[in-house]
């Protein structure tokens, strides 16, 4: 196996923290504004939102999560008297989970993610992608990855105007101001789609979106006050987002991330797109794909096969790249018998 099971106490600790953190985040999102939960069908899936009417008369929907067991439990417990309240209580729960062996994110990364969270970036449809999503999956699954978890940059994505996502995105946020308020020395480059830190050359903030009619030309989104860099095939990982709790020493952070099975095939598809000078990153992508597949095929094989077929149906170009990546993956990780286990 390419992962190690966490202890039962670590899994129980994080499960409790996850529920408490999501409930606290929902409370913060709907504070002092009356409303109710509604379910919507988007792109073949059901999602829950908290719908509320703003003081200006406009209706706003806050994304709660996909229609699954965790989200339904959150809705049922919302407003309960015994819900965990306060940042201090959540911080204690987070540190207890870390002590028991769950994986935390670096402090400086948590500071950036937390600031964007406070300013409404994720409420406005932002999604945390890349290695930090990979890190989030392991606590959610109750495992630790054996490799592929090292990262020095942060990747964020937003659908822009190109596709319809499940996340309600009628919220405006000044992302540039949020980054500036950190006072960490980030400077916008690459037409504003990347923020670099001169004293830490590898600590970048990258903002991505889906590939549209304008090709790879940066897309400025006024509602975010931010430019996004279009990437091919990005829409596959953004179409069915989910909530995840990041383990941060100063308190948990609830963000939107891609569904893990979609993360897998997106990484495999783009692996062959990476230029020669980015082979190290391509190798990291393959390791992450292998770790996730090893877990998912063992625990939710039907979901993996369903998403595989979805990717293949996207067209000849998608199918060709997917099969190329699949061939490379199986050559590198022959011992995992992915061909046999996927059974397609």
Protein backbone atom coordinates (compact mmCIF):
# COMPACT_ATOMS: atom_id res chain seq x y z
CA UNK A 1 0.00 0.00 0.00
CA UNK A 2 1.04 3.58 -0.65
CA UNK A 3 -0.59 4.89 2.52
CA UNK A 4 -0.63 4.13 6.25
CA UNK A 5 -3.79 3.95 8.33
CA UNK A 6 -4.02 6.47 11.16
CA UNK A 7 -4.82 5.19 14.64
CA UNK A 8 -8.48 4.85 15.62
CA UNK A 9 -8.06 7.70 18.13
CA UNK A 10 -6.60 9.98 15.44
CA UNK A 11 -9.43 9.18 13.04
CA UNK A 12 -12.06 9.82 15.73
CA UNK A 13 -10.41 13.07 16.77
CA UNK A 14 -10.33 14.44 13.25
CA UNK A 15 -13.90 13.31 12.52
CA UNK A 16 -15.09 15.31 15.54
CA UNK A 17 -13.04 18.32 14.51
CA UNK A 18 -14.36 18.16 10.95
CA UNK A 19 -17.99 18.29 12.06
CA UNK A 20 -17.33 21.09 14.56
CA UNK A 21 -15.30 23.15 12.07
CA UNK A 22 -17.88 22.85 9.28
CA UNK A 23 -20.68 23.78 11.66
CA UNK A 24 -18.72 26.80 12.92
CA UNK A 25 -17.96 27.91 9.35
CA UNK A 26 -21.62 27.61 8.38
CA UNK A 27 -22.64 29.62 11.45
CA UNK A 28 -20.15 32.32 10.49
CA UNK A 29 -21.47 32.40 6.91
CA UNK A 30 -25.13 32.84 7.90
CA UNK A 31 -24.75 34.85 11.10
CA UNK A 32 -27.67 37.18 11.91
CA UNK A 33 -29.33 36.55 8.55
CA UNK A 34 -32.50 34.39 8.59
CA UNK A 35 -32.86 31.72 5.95
CA UNK A 36 -33.06 27.98 5.40
CA UNK A 37 -31.47 24.97 3.71
CA UNK A 38 -32.36 24.13 0.12
CA UNK A 39 -31.24 21.28 -2.15
CA UNK A 40 -30.43 21.78 -5.85
CA UNK A 41 -29.61 19.37 -8.67
CA UNK A 42 -26.51 20.51 -10.59
CA UNK A 43 -24.77 18.54 -13.36
CA UNK A 44 -26.21 15.21 -12.26
CA UNK A 45 -25.57 15.65 -8.53
CA UNK A 46 -27.49 17.01 -5.54
CA UNK A 47 -26.04 19.81 -3.40
CA UNK A 48 -27.18 21.65 -0.29
CA UNK A 49 -27.12 25.43 0.20
CA UNK A 50 -28.17 27.83 2.90
CA UNK A 51 -30.43 30.35 1.17
CA UNK A 52 -30.84 33.78 2.70
CA UNK A 53 -32.15 37.20 1.75
CA UNK A 54 -29.67 40.03 2.06
CA UNK A 55 -30.58 43.48 3.45
CA UNK A 56 -30.60 44.81 -0.13
CA UNK A 57 -33.35 42.33 -1.03
CA UNK A 58 -31.15 40.01 -3.10
CA UNK A 59 -31.19 36.26 -2.44
CA UNK A 60 -27.83 34.66 -1.72
CA UNK A 61 -26.97 30.96 -1.49
CA UNK A 62 -24.06 29.72 0.63
CA UNK A 63 -22.60 26.40 -0.47
CA UNK A 64 -22.92 23.79 2.32
CA UNK A 65 -21.77 20.65 0.50
CA UNK A 66 -22.79 17.68 -1.66
CA UNK A 67 -25.81 15.64 -0.63
CA UNK A 68 -23.93 13.04 1.38
CA UNK A 69 -24.00 11.62 4.89
CA UNK A 70 -21.67 14.27 6.34
CA UNK A 71 -23.60 17.21 4.90
CA UNK A 72 -26.97 15.83 5.99
CA UNK A 73 -25.61 15.28 9.52
CA UNK A 74 -24.32 18.86 9.56
CA UNK A 75 -27.73 20.20 8.54
CA UNK A 76 -29.49 18.09 11.17
CA UNK A 77 -27.15 19.25 13.94
CA UNK A 78 -27.09 22.90 12.90
CA UNK A 79 -28.29 25.07 15.76
CA UNK A 80 -27.91 22.34 18.38
CA UNK A 81 -27.10 23.62 21.86
CA UNK A 82 -24.09 21.33 22.26
CA UNK A 83 -22.32 22.50 19.09
CA UNK A 84 -18.70 23.53 19.58
CA UNK A 85 -18.37 27.30 19.58
CA UNK A 86 -15.43 29.66 19.59
CA UNK A 87 -12.05 29.75 17.94
CA UNK A 88 -10.30 28.64 21.13
CA UNK A 89 -12.26 25.39 21.35
CA UNK A 90 -11.61 24.59 17.70
CA UNK A 91 -7.92 25.34 18.11
CA UNK A 92 -7.70 22.87 20.99
CA UNK A 93 -9.43 20.20 18.90
CA UNK A 94 -7.04 20.87 16.01
CA UNK A 95 -3.93 20.59 18.16
CA UNK A 96 -5.25 17.39 19.75
CA UNK A 97 -5.67 15.85 16.28
CA UNK A 98 -2.13 16.87 15.36
CA UNK A 99 -0.74 15.29 18.53
CA UNK A 100 -2.55 12.06 17.67
CA UNK A 101 -0.84 11.88 14.27
CA UNK A 102 -3.07 13.74 11.78
CA UNK A 103 -1.24 15.87 9.22
CA UNK A 104 -1.17 19.65 9.56
CA UNK A 105 -0.44 22.25 6.90
CA UNK A 106 2.51 24.65 7.30
CA UNK A 107 1.81 27.74 9.39
CA UNK A 108 2.63 30.22 6.61
CA UNK A 109 0.35 28.39 4.20
CA UNK A 110 -2.44 28.32 6.75
CA UNK A 111 -2.06 32.04 7.25
CA UNK A 112 -2.63 32.73 3.54
CA UNK A 113 -5.53 30.29 3.19
CA UNK A 114 -7.11 31.62 6.37
CA UNK A 115 -6.96 35.22 5.13
CA UNK A 116 -8.62 34.31 1.83
CA UNK A 117 -11.23 32.36 3.79
CA UNK A 118 -11.92 35.35 6.04
CA UNK A 119 -12.33 37.63 3.02
CA UNK A 120 -14.85 35.29 1.35
CA UNK A 121 -12.76 33.79 -1.47
CA UNK A 122 -14.14 30.27 -0.97
CA UNK A 123 -17.65 31.55 -0.38
CA UNK A 124 -17.34 33.27 -3.77
CA UNK A 125 -16.61 29.97 -5.53
CA UNK A 126 -12.87 29.63 -4.94
CA UNK A 127 -11.40 26.11 -4.80
CA UNK A 128 -8.13 24.99 -3.23
CA UNK A 129 -6.37 22.71 -5.72
CA UNK A 130 -2.96 21.09 -6.04
CA UNK A 131 -1.00 19.42 -3.26
CA UNK A 132 -2.93 21.06 -0.43
CA UNK A 133 -6.07 19.30 -1.62
CA UNK A 134 -4.03 16.06 -1.68
CA UNK A 135 -2.99 16.78 1.92
CA UNK A 136 -6.60 17.37 2.95
CA UNK A 137 -7.75 14.00 1.59
CA UNK A 138 -5.50 12.01 3.90
CA UNK A 139 -7.04 13.26 7.15
CA UNK A 140 -10.48 12.89 5.59
CA UNK A 141 -9.70 9.24 4.73
CA UNK A 142 -7.93 8.55 8.02
CA UNK A 143 -4.55 7.81 6.42
CA UNK A 144 -1.15 9.36 5.82
CA UNK A 145 0.41 9.25 2.36
CA UNK A 146 3.76 7.53 2.04
CA UNK A 147 4.98 10.11 -0.54
CA UNK A 148 3.94 13.05 -2.72
CA UNK A 149 2.88 15.41 0.08
CA UNK A 150 5.73 17.95 -0.16
CA UNK A 151 4.75 21.40 -1.41
CA UNK A 152 6.06 24.95 -1.29
CA UNK A 153 3.40 26.85 -3.26
CA UNK A 154 -0.36 27.34 -3.08
CA UNK A 155 -2.76 26.74 -5.97
CA UNK A 156 -6.26 28.21 -6.08
CA UNK A 157 -8.89 27.97 -8.81
CA UNK A 158 -12.19 29.52 -9.79
CA UNK A 159 -14.48 28.66 -12.70
CA UNK A 160 -14.64 32.24 -13.91
CA UNK A 161 -17.39 32.55 -16.53
CA UNK A 162 -16.69 29.40 -18.48
CA UNK A 163 -18.69 26.67 -16.74
CA UNK A 164 -21.50 26.31 -14.24
CA UNK A 165 -20.36 24.91 -10.91
CA UNK A 166 -22.27 23.65 -7.93
CA UNK A 167 -20.82 26.40 -5.74
CA UNK A 168 -22.97 29.51 -5.66
CA UNK A 169 -20.71 32.33 -6.84
CA UNK A 170 -22.81 35.49 -6.46
CA UNK A 171 -20.44 36.82 -3.79
CA UNK A 172 -17.89 39.57 -4.42
CA UNK A 173 -14.48 39.60 -2.77
CA UNK A 174 -11.37 41.76 -3.14
CA UNK A 175 -8.78 38.99 -3.36
CA UNK A 176 -5.92 41.34 -4.20
CA UNK A 177 -6.65 43.38 -1.06
CA UNK A 178 -6.81 40.20 1.04
CA UNK A 179 -3.33 39.17 -0.14
CA UNK A 180 -1.96 42.69 0.40
CA UNK A 181 -3.37 42.74 3.94
CA UNK A 182 -1.18 39.76 4.84
CA UNK A 183 1.88 42.06 4.64
CA UNK A 184 4.01 39.04 3.70
CA UNK A 185 5.63 40.69 0.69
CA UNK A 186 3.73 38.98 -2.14
CA UNK A 187 4.07 40.74 -5.51
CA UNK A 188 1.71 40.09 -8.46
CA UNK A 189 3.45 38.84 -11.63
CA UNK A 190 2.38 36.96 -14.79
CA UNK A 191 -0.41 39.47 -15.50
CA UNK A 192 -1.53 39.17 -11.89
CA UNK A 193 -2.33 35.43 -12.01
CA UNK A 194 0.65 34.59 -9.76
CA UNK A 195 1.90 36.24 -6.58
CA UNK A 196 5.58 35.77 -5.76
CA UNK A 197 7.50 36.36 -2.54
CA UNK A 198 10.99 37.74 -3.36
CA UNK A 199 12.57 36.39 -0.16
CA UNK A 200 11.05 32.91 -0.74
CA UNK A 201 11.36 32.22 -4.49
CA UNK A 202 9.45 28.91 -4.30
CA UNK A 203 6.50 30.21 -2.27
CA UNK A 204 4.05 31.22 -5.01
CA UNK A 205 0.30 31.81 -5.01
CA UNK A 206 -1.17 30.67 -8.33
CA UNK A 207 -4.74 31.47 -9.39
CA UNK A 208 -6.17 29.26 -12.12
CA UNK A 209 -9.34 28.85 -14.15
CA UNK A 210 -10.78 26.78 -16.98
CA UNK A 211 -9.70 27.02 -20.62
CA UNK A 212 -12.20 29.00 -22.71
CA UNK A 213 -12.56 30.78 -26.03
CA UNK A 214 -9.77 33.21 -25.17
CA UNK A 215 -7.29 30.34 -24.88
CA UNK A 216 -4.55 30.81 -22.31
CA UNK A 217 -5.01 34.58 -22.07
CA UNK A 218 -5.39 35.59 -18.38
CA UNK A 219 -9.00 36.17 -17.39
CA UNK A 220 -9.83 39.09 -15.10
CA UNK A 221 -12.82 38.43 -12.84
CA UNK A 222 -14.21 41.70 -11.40
CA UNK A 223 -16.13 39.88 -8.65
CA UNK A 224 -12.79 38.62 -7.33
CA UNK A 225 -10.65 41.63 -8.32
CA UNK A 226 -8.25 39.02 -9.60
CA UNK A 227 -6.76 37.64 -12.83
CA UNK A 228 -6.86 33.88 -13.39
CA UNK A 229 -4.62 31.76 -15.61
CA UNK A 230 -6.63 29.37 -17.84
CA UNK A 231 -5.43 25.76 -17.93
CA UNK A 232 -6.56 22.95 -20.19
CA UNK A 233 -8.79 20.25 -18.64
CA UNK A 234 -9.21 22.21 -15.39
CA UNK A 235 -13.01 22.03 -15.62
CA UNK A 236 -12.96 18.30 -14.89
CA UNK A 237 -11.64 18.78 -11.37
CA UNK A 238 -13.86 21.80 -10.64
CA UNK A 239 -17.25 20.46 -11.69
CA UNK A 240 -18.17 18.58 -8.51
CA UNK A 241 -16.48 20.29 -5.54
CA UNK A 242 -16.70 19.26 -1.92
CA UNK A 243 -15.92 20.70 1.50
CA UNK A 244 -12.73 19.73 3.34
CA UNK A 245 -11.23 20.73 6.66
CA UNK A 246 -7.55 21.65 6.65
CA UNK A 247 -5.69 20.92 9.87
CA UNK A 248 -4.03 24.21 10.84
CA UNK A 249 -2.37 24.62 14.25
CA UNK A 250 -4.10 27.97 14.83
CA UNK A 251 -7.53 26.51 14.08
CA UNK A 252 -9.17 24.39 11.33
CA UNK A 253 -9.87 25.92 7.91
CA UNK A 254 -12.91 24.78 5.91
CA UNK A 255 -12.40 25.19 2.17
CA UNK A 256 -13.67 23.88 -1.17
CA UNK A 257 -11.57 21.18 -2.86
CA UNK A 258 -12.00 18.93 -5.93
CA UNK A 259 -13.48 15.50 -5.39
CA UNK A 260 -10.55 13.06 -5.00
CA UNK A 261 -11.52 10.79 -7.91
CA UNK A 262 -11.64 13.82 -10.21
CA UNK A 263 -8.34 15.08 -8.83
CA UNK A 264 -6.81 11.72 -9.85
CA UNK A 265 -7.84 11.75 -13.50
CA UNK A 266 -7.17 15.47 -13.96
CA UNK A 267 -3.60 14.98 -12.70
CA UNK A 268 -3.13 11.99 -14.98
CA UNK A 269 -4.46 13.84 -18.03
CA UNK A 270 -2.22 16.90 -17.56
CA UNK A 271 0.84 14.83 -16.67
CA UNK A 272 1.70 14.41 -20.34
CA UNK A 273 1.14 18.12 -20.95
CA UNK A 274 4.00 19.15 -18.68
CA UNK A 275 7.09 20.41 -20.57
CA UNK A 276 10.46 18.71 -20.16
CA UNK A 277 11.67 21.27 -17.58
CA UNK A 278 8.75 20.34 -15.29
CA UNK A 279 9.43 16.60 -15.09
CA UNK A 280 9.95 16.78 -11.32
CA UNK A 281 6.45 18.17 -10.88
CA UNK A 282 5.06 15.59 -13.30
CA UNK A 283 6.68 12.86 -11.21
CA UNK A 284 5.06 14.29 -8.07
CA UNK A 285 1.71 14.26 -9.87
CA UNK A 286 2.14 10.56 -10.68
CA UNK A 287 2.99 9.75 -7.07
CA UNK A 288 -0.12 11.57 -5.86
CA UNK A 289 -2.28 9.77 -8.42
CA UNK A 290 -0.85 6.42 -7.31
CA UNK A 291 -1.45 7.09 -3.60
CA UNK A 292 -5.02 8.22 -4.17
CA UNK A 293 -5.85 5.38 -6.55
CA UNK A 294 -4.39 2.84 -4.14
CA UNK A 295 -6.81 4.06 -1.47
CA UNK A 296 -9.85 4.75 -3.65
CA UNK A 297 -9.76 1.43 -5.53
CA UNK A 298 -9.67 -0.34 -2.19
CA UNK A 299 -12.49 1.67 -0.65
CA UNK A 300 -14.69 3.10 -3.44
CA UNK A 301 -13.86 1.37 -6.71
CA UNK A 302 -17.24 2.01 -8.33
CA UNK A 303 -16.85 5.77 -7.92
CA UNK A 304 -13.38 5.65 -9.48
CA UNK A 305 -14.65 3.68 -12.48
CA UNK A 306 -17.56 6.06 -12.96
CA UNK A 307 -15.25 9.09 -13.05
CA UNK A 308 -12.85 7.22 -15.40
CA UNK A 309 -15.67 6.73 -17.88
CA UNK A 310 -16.70 10.38 -17.49
CA UNK A 311 -13.18 11.53 -18.41
CA UNK A 312 -12.99 9.19 -21.41
CA UNK A 313 -16.32 10.50 -22.76
CA UNK A 314 -14.97 14.07 -22.96
CA UNK A 315 -13.51 13.53 -26.42
CA UNK A 316 -10.59 12.01 -28.36
CA UNK A 317 -8.01 14.43 -26.95
CA UNK A 318 -9.07 13.70 -23.38
CA UNK A 319 -9.11 9.95 -23.99
CA UNK A 320 -5.70 9.94 -25.65
CA UNK A 321 -4.02 11.86 -22.83
CA UNK A 322 -5.78 9.80 -20.16
CA UNK A 323 -4.57 6.53 -21.68
CA UNK A 324 -1.04 7.92 -22.12
CA UNK A 325 -0.93 8.90 -18.45
CA UNK A 326 -2.41 5.54 -17.48
CA UNK A 327 0.33 3.70 -19.35
CA UNK A 328 3.08 5.72 -17.63
CA UNK A 329 1.45 5.25 -14.22
CA UNK A 330 1.23 1.48 -14.60
CA UNK A 331 4.82 1.24 -15.77
CA UNK A 332 6.03 3.21 -12.74
CA UNK A 333 3.78 1.50 -10.17
CA UNK A 334 3.48 -2.01 -11.58
CA UNK A 335 3.36 -3.53 -8.09
CA UNK A 336 0.02 -1.82 -7.39
CA UNK A 337 -1.69 -3.71 -10.27
CA UNK A 338 -3.86 -0.71 -11.14
CA UNK A 339 -4.87 -2.20 -14.52
CA UNK A 340 -6.23 -5.30 -12.87
CA UNK A 341 -7.87 -3.43 -10.00
CA UNK A 342 -9.61 -0.83 -12.15
CA UNK A 343 -10.99 -3.58 -14.37
CA UNK A 344 -11.81 -1.43 -17.40
